[in-house]
Amino acid sequence: MPDSDFPDVLSGIRSFDWNPKKRESNLRDHKIDFEDVKGIFDSYHIIRRSDRHGEIRYQVLGYVDDREVAVAFTIRAGGVCWLISARRASRKERGELQRVTE
């Protein structure tokens, strides 16, 4: 998918949702709550397609509480942004994000 299509993906988001057990495990393993990452699109970010398990998925790199974070998500019916995982961005990802914000 060309980068120019990403704004269309984001503009279709109407709500956020996730698997409650996945939220718990993500919070335990990565210390990042899915509730907190909903605002990642409100500031500088990078988004790219990252398909897995036969579905269209996206990865967004951005900031949550001034921390560089990588979030995996898909778009479900009705414009639901289904959060899959959230973790601290890798060193390489942090460098990419820093170049965008300079």
Protein backbone atom coordinates (compact mmCIF):
# COMPACT_ATOMS: atom_id res chain seq x y z
CA MET A 1 0.00 0.00 0.00
CA PRO A 2 1.50 3.36 -0.95
CA ASP A 3 2.17 5.80 1.88
CA SER A 4 -0.43 8.18 0.44
CA ASP A 5 -3.16 5.68 1.42
CA PHE A 6 -2.31 5.80 5.13
CA PRO A 7 -4.22 9.01 5.88
CA ASP A 8 -7.33 7.27 4.52
CA VAL A 9 -6.76 4.37 6.93
CA LEU A 10 -6.41 6.71 9.89
CA SER A 11 -9.37 8.88 8.95
CA GLY A 12 -11.60 5.80 9.08
CA ILE A 13 -10.84 5.10 12.75
CA ARG A 14 -13.99 5.58 14.85
CA SER A 15 -13.04 3.77 18.04
CA PHE A 16 -10.40 1.58 19.68
CA ASP A 17 -10.72 -1.93 21.04
CA TRP A 18 -8.59 -4.93 22.00
CA ASN A 19 -8.62 -8.35 23.57
CA PRO A 20 -8.71 -7.75 27.36
CA LYS A 21 -6.32 -10.65 28.03
CA LYS A 22 -3.87 -9.28 25.47
CA ARG A 23 -4.06 -5.87 27.15
CA GLU A 24 -3.21 -7.46 30.50
CA SER A 25 -0.26 -9.41 29.09
CA ASN A 26 1.01 -6.38 27.19
CA LEU A 27 0.86 -4.28 30.36
CA ARG A 28 2.67 -6.98 32.31
CA ASP A 29 5.33 -7.68 29.66
CA HIS A 30 5.91 -4.21 28.17
CA LYS A 31 4.56 -1.86 30.88
CA ILE A 32 2.40 -0.09 28.27
CA ASP A 33 -1.38 0.08 28.59
CA PHE A 34 -3.50 -0.02 25.44
CA GLU A 35 -5.63 2.74 26.97
CA ASP A 36 -2.60 5.04 26.85
CA VAL A 37 -1.64 4.40 23.22
CA LYS A 38 -4.89 5.65 21.74
CA GLY A 39 -3.36 9.13 21.44
CA ILE A 40 -0.34 8.01 19.43
CA PHE A 41 -1.81 9.46 16.23
CA ASP A 42 -2.15 12.92 17.81
CA SER A 43 1.56 13.77 17.51
CA TYR A 44 4.45 12.95 15.21
CA HIS A 45 4.33 9.37 14.01
CA ILE A 46 5.42 6.98 11.30
CA ILE A 47 3.02 4.38 9.98
CA ARG A 48 3.74 1.38 7.78
CA ARG A 49 1.99 -1.73 6.67
CA SER A 50 3.03 -4.87 8.54
CA ASP A 51 0.79 -7.78 7.51
CA ARG A 52 0.78 -10.89 9.70
CA HIS A 53 -1.28 -14.05 10.04
CA GLY A 54 -3.16 -13.45 6.80
CA GLU A 55 -4.55 -10.05 7.78
CA ILE A 56 -3.68 -6.48 6.90
CA ARG A 57 -1.88 -4.96 9.84
CA TYR A 58 -0.11 -1.70 10.47
CA GLN A 59 2.67 -0.56 12.74
CA VAL A 60 2.81 2.98 14.02
CA LEU A 61 5.85 4.50 15.69
CA GLY A 62 5.08 7.48 17.86
CA TYR A 63 5.13 8.99 21.29
CA VAL A 64 3.17 8.00 24.39
CA ASP A 65 3.95 10.09 27.46
CA ASP A 66 7.20 11.25 25.80
CA ARG A 67 8.34 7.63 25.23
CA GLU A 68 8.97 6.22 21.76
CA VAL A 69 6.49 3.39 21.25
CA ALA A 70 5.72 0.87 18.48
CA VAL A 71 2.08 -0.18 18.21
CA ALA A 72 0.68 -2.93 16.00
CA PHE A 73 -2.96 -2.68 14.96
CA THR A 74 -5.51 -3.59 12.33
CA ILE A 75 -8.70 -1.90 11.21
CA ARG A 76 -11.87 -3.89 11.82
CA ALA A 77 -15.41 -3.39 10.55
CA GLY A 78 -17.02 -0.12 11.56
CA GLY A 79 -13.70 1.72 11.80
CA VAL A 80 -12.52 -0.06 14.94
CA CYS A 81 -8.77 0.27 15.46
CA TRP A 82 -7.99 -3.14 16.98
CA LEU A 83 -4.82 -2.85 19.06
CA ILE A 84 -2.61 -5.93 18.93
CA SER A 85 0.54 -4.94 20.79
CA ALA A 86 2.45 -1.96 22.13
CA ARG A 87 6.09 -1.90 23.15
CA ARG A 88 9.01 0.45 23.47
CA ALA A 89 10.37 1.20 20.02
CA SER A 90 13.66 -0.49 19.12
CA ARG A 91 16.83 1.56 18.83
CA LYS A 92 16.48 1.56 15.02
CA GLU A 93 12.81 2.60 15.24
CA ARG A 94 13.66 5.39 17.68
CA GLY A 95 16.22 6.68 15.19
CA GLU A 96 13.62 6.67 12.42
CA LEU A 97 11.19 8.55 14.61
CA GLN A 98 13.80 11.08 15.67
CA ARG A 99 14.61 11.86 12.01
CA VAL A 100 10.93 12.62 11.36
CA THR A 101 10.65 14.99 14.32
CA GLU A 102 13.81 16.98 13.57
